[in-house]
Amino acid sequence: QKANFTCDKCTTRGGSLQAHHLNGFNSFPEQRLLPENGVCLCKDCHDEFHLKYGKGNNTKEQYKEFKC
């Protein structure tokens, strides 16, 4: 609901949305449950992000670069 069921990257509405942590789940445990540390991405955009930046130690700065 927070994202109006819309992918934050490609703006596709509905479909298979996934939660993405801006600052990685493993590296920033104190931010895991903060709503402001998350965005909704469609499966394709989420897969594309992690293909480019890997998994585990991601940052908000990487996401800003990815979204442009």
N, C-alpha and C. Protein backbone atom coordinates (compact mmCIF):
# COMPACT_ATOMS: atom_id res chain seq x y z
N GLN A 1 0.82 -1.19 0.00
CA GLN A 1 0.00 0.00 0.00
C GLN A 1 0.86 1.26 0.00
N LYS A 2 1.98 1.21 0.73
CA LYS A 2 2.86 2.37 0.84
C LYS A 2 3.24 2.91 -0.55
N ALA A 3 3.49 2.02 -1.48
CA ALA A 3 3.95 2.40 -2.81
C ALA A 3 2.83 2.41 -3.84
N ASN A 4 1.59 2.35 -3.38
CA ASN A 4 0.43 2.33 -4.28
C ASN A 4 0.53 1.16 -5.27
N PHE A 5 1.12 0.05 -4.80
CA PHE A 5 1.25 -1.16 -5.61
C PHE A 5 1.98 -0.89 -6.93
N THR A 6 3.00 -0.02 -6.86
CA THR A 6 3.74 0.42 -8.04
C THR A 6 5.24 0.23 -7.84
N CYS A 7 5.92 -0.28 -8.87
CA CYS A 7 7.37 -0.44 -8.83
C CYS A 7 8.03 0.94 -8.77
N ASP A 8 8.95 1.12 -7.85
CA ASP A 8 9.63 2.41 -7.68
C ASP A 8 10.56 2.74 -8.84
N LYS A 9 11.01 1.75 -9.58
CA LYS A 9 11.95 1.97 -10.69
C LYS A 9 11.22 2.19 -12.02
N CYS A 10 10.42 1.22 -12.45
CA CYS A 10 9.81 1.29 -13.78
C CYS A 10 8.37 1.79 -13.75
N THR A 11 7.82 2.00 -12.60
CA THR A 11 6.46 2.50 -12.35
C THR A 11 5.35 1.56 -12.84
N THR A 12 5.67 0.29 -13.07
CA THR A 12 4.63 -0.68 -13.39
C THR A 12 3.75 -0.87 -12.17
N ARG A 13 2.45 -0.85 -12.39
CA ARG A 13 1.50 -0.99 -11.28
C ARG A 13 1.00 -2.43 -11.20
N GLY A 14 0.99 -2.97 -10.00
CA GLY A 14 0.49 -4.33 -9.79
C GLY A 14 1.55 -5.36 -10.13
N GLY A 15 1.12 -6.58 -10.33
CA GLY A 15 2.05 -7.64 -10.66
C GLY A 15 2.77 -8.15 -9.43
N SER A 16 3.93 -8.72 -9.65
CA SER A 16 4.70 -9.35 -8.58
C SER A 16 5.69 -8.35 -7.98
N LEU A 17 5.25 -7.61 -6.98
CA LEU A 17 6.12 -6.63 -6.32
C LEU A 17 6.89 -7.28 -5.18
N GLN A 18 8.11 -6.82 -4.99
CA GLN A 18 8.98 -7.35 -3.94
C GLN A 18 9.55 -6.20 -3.12
N ALA A 19 9.78 -6.47 -1.85
CA ALA A 19 10.39 -5.47 -0.98
C ALA A 19 11.90 -5.45 -1.22
N HIS A 20 12.46 -4.26 -1.28
CA HIS A 20 13.90 -4.11 -1.45
C HIS A 20 14.42 -3.19 -0.35
N HIS A 21 15.44 -3.64 0.38
CA HIS A 21 16.07 -2.82 1.41
C HIS A 21 17.08 -1.88 0.74
N LEU A 22 16.95 -0.59 0.98
CA LEU A 22 17.89 0.37 0.41
C LEU A 22 19.29 0.15 0.99
N ASN A 23 19.39 0.12 2.30
CA ASN A 23 20.63 -0.27 2.97
C ASN A 23 20.46 -1.74 3.34
N GLY A 24 21.37 -2.56 2.87
CA GLY A 24 21.25 -4.01 2.93
C GLY A 24 20.84 -4.61 4.27
N PHE A 25 20.03 -5.64 4.18
CA PHE A 25 19.51 -6.37 5.33
C PHE A 25 20.63 -6.87 6.24
N ASN A 26 21.70 -7.41 5.65
CA ASN A 26 22.79 -7.99 6.44
C ASN A 26 23.71 -6.92 7.05
N SER A 27 23.99 -5.89 6.30
CA SER A 27 24.96 -4.89 6.74
C SER A 27 24.39 -3.82 7.67
N PHE A 28 23.09 -3.64 7.64
CA PHE A 28 22.46 -2.58 8.44
C PHE A 28 21.29 -3.16 9.25
N PRO A 29 21.58 -4.05 10.21
CA PRO A 29 20.50 -4.72 10.95
C PRO A 29 19.56 -3.75 11.68
N GLU A 30 20.07 -2.61 12.09
CA GLU A 30 19.25 -1.64 12.81
C GLU A 30 18.20 -0.98 11.92
N GLN A 31 18.37 -1.10 10.59
CA GLN A 31 17.43 -0.48 9.65
C GLN A 31 16.49 -1.49 9.00
N ARG A 32 16.60 -2.74 9.36
CA ARG A 32 15.83 -3.82 8.71
C ARG A 32 14.33 -3.56 8.64
N LEU A 33 13.76 -3.08 9.70
CA LEU A 33 12.30 -2.94 9.77
C LEU A 33 11.80 -1.51 9.58
N LEU A 34 12.68 -0.60 9.25
CA LEU A 34 12.27 0.80 9.05
C LEU A 34 11.62 0.97 7.68
N PRO A 35 10.39 1.46 7.64
CA PRO A 35 9.72 1.64 6.35
C PRO A 35 10.50 2.53 5.38
N GLU A 36 11.21 3.52 5.91
CA GLU A 36 11.97 4.43 5.04
C GLU A 36 13.21 3.77 4.43
N ASN A 37 13.55 2.58 4.88
CA ASN A 37 14.69 1.85 4.31
C ASN A 37 14.24 0.87 3.22
N GLY A 38 13.00 0.97 2.80
CA GLY A 38 12.51 0.03 1.80
C GLY A 38 11.77 0.69 0.66
N VAL A 39 11.82 0.02 -0.48
CA VAL A 39 11.03 0.40 -1.64
C VAL A 39 10.45 -0.88 -2.22
N CYS A 40 9.41 -0.72 -3.03
CA CYS A 40 8.81 -1.85 -3.73
C CYS A 40 9.33 -1.86 -5.16
N LEU A 41 9.78 -3.03 -5.60
CA LEU A 41 10.24 -3.21 -6.97
C LEU A 41 9.51 -4.39 -7.59
N CYS A 42 9.27 -4.32 -8.89
CA CYS A 42 8.75 -5.50 -9.57
C CYS A 42 9.87 -6.53 -9.61
N LYS A 43 9.53 -7.76 -9.84
CA LYS A 43 10.52 -8.83 -9.83
C LYS A 43 11.64 -8.56 -10.83
N ASP A 44 11.29 -8.09 -12.03
CA ASP A 44 12.32 -7.83 -13.04
C ASP A 44 13.31 -6.76 -12.60
N CYS A 45 12.83 -5.66 -12.05
CA CYS A 45 13.72 -4.59 -11.59
C CYS A 45 14.55 -5.05 -10.39
N HIS A 46 13.94 -5.82 -9.50
CA HIS A 46 14.67 -6.31 -8.32
C HIS A 46 15.80 -7.24 -8.76
N ASP A 47 15.49 -8.14 -9.69
CA ASP A 47 16.53 -9.04 -10.22
C ASP A 47 17.63 -8.25 -10.92
N GLU A 48 17.25 -7.23 -11.69
CA GLU A 48 18.22 -6.40 -12.42
C GLU A 48 19.15 -5.68 -11.44
N PHE A 49 18.59 -5.14 -10.35
CA PHE A 49 19.41 -4.46 -9.36
C PHE A 49 20.46 -5.41 -8.80
N HIS A 50 20.04 -6.59 -8.36
CA HIS A 50 20.98 -7.50 -7.72
C HIS A 50 21.95 -8.14 -8.70
N LEU A 51 21.57 -8.22 -9.97
CA LEU A 51 22.52 -8.68 -10.99
C LEU A 51 23.66 -7.68 -11.13
N LYS A 52 23.30 -6.40 -11.09
CA LYS A 52 24.29 -5.34 -11.27
C LYS A 52 25.14 -5.11 -10.01
N TYR A 53 24.51 -5.12 -8.83
CA TYR A 53 25.20 -4.73 -7.59
C TYR A 53 25.47 -5.88 -6.62
N GLY A 54 25.02 -7.08 -6.96
CA GLY A 54 25.22 -8.21 -6.07
C GLY A 54 24.22 -8.19 -4.92
N LYS A 55 24.42 -9.10 -3.98
CA LYS A 55 23.51 -9.22 -2.84
C LYS A 55 24.29 -9.13 -1.54
N GLY A 56 23.68 -8.52 -0.53
CA GLY A 56 24.25 -8.57 0.81
C GLY A 56 24.76 -7.27 1.37
N ASN A 57 25.53 -6.51 0.62
CA ASN A 57 26.13 -5.29 1.17
C ASN A 57 25.69 -4.06 0.38
N ASN A 58 24.43 -4.04 0.01
CA ASN A 58 23.93 -2.95 -0.83
C ASN A 58 23.69 -1.69 -0.03
N THR A 59 23.70 -0.56 -0.74
CA THR A 59 23.52 0.74 -0.09
C THR A 59 22.47 1.57 -0.81
N LYS A 60 21.99 2.57 -0.09
CA LYS A 60 21.02 3.53 -0.64
C LYS A 60 21.62 4.26 -1.84
N GLU A 61 22.92 4.52 -1.81
CA GLU A 61 23.59 5.22 -2.91
C GLU A 61 23.56 4.36 -4.18
N GLN A 62 23.74 3.06 -4.06
CA GLN A 62 23.65 2.18 -5.22
C GLN A 62 22.25 2.25 -5.82
N TYR A 63 21.25 2.27 -4.97
CA TYR A 63 19.87 2.32 -5.47
C TYR A 63 19.60 3.63 -6.20
N LYS A 64 20.10 4.73 -5.65
CA LYS A 64 19.91 6.03 -6.31
C LYS A 64 20.53 6.01 -7.71
N GLU A 65 21.71 5.44 -7.83
CA GLU A 65 22.38 5.30 -9.13
C GLU A 65 21.56 4.40 -10.07
N PHE A 66 21.07 3.30 -9.55
CA PHE A 66 20.29 2.34 -10.32
C PHE A 66 18.99 2.96 -10.84
N LYS A 67 18.35 3.77 -10.03
CA LYS A 67 17.05 4.32 -10.38
C LYS A 67 17.12 5.38 -11.49
N CYS A 68 18.26 6.02 -11.65
CA CYS A 68 18.41 7.08 -12.67
C CYS A 68 18.35 6.55 -14.08
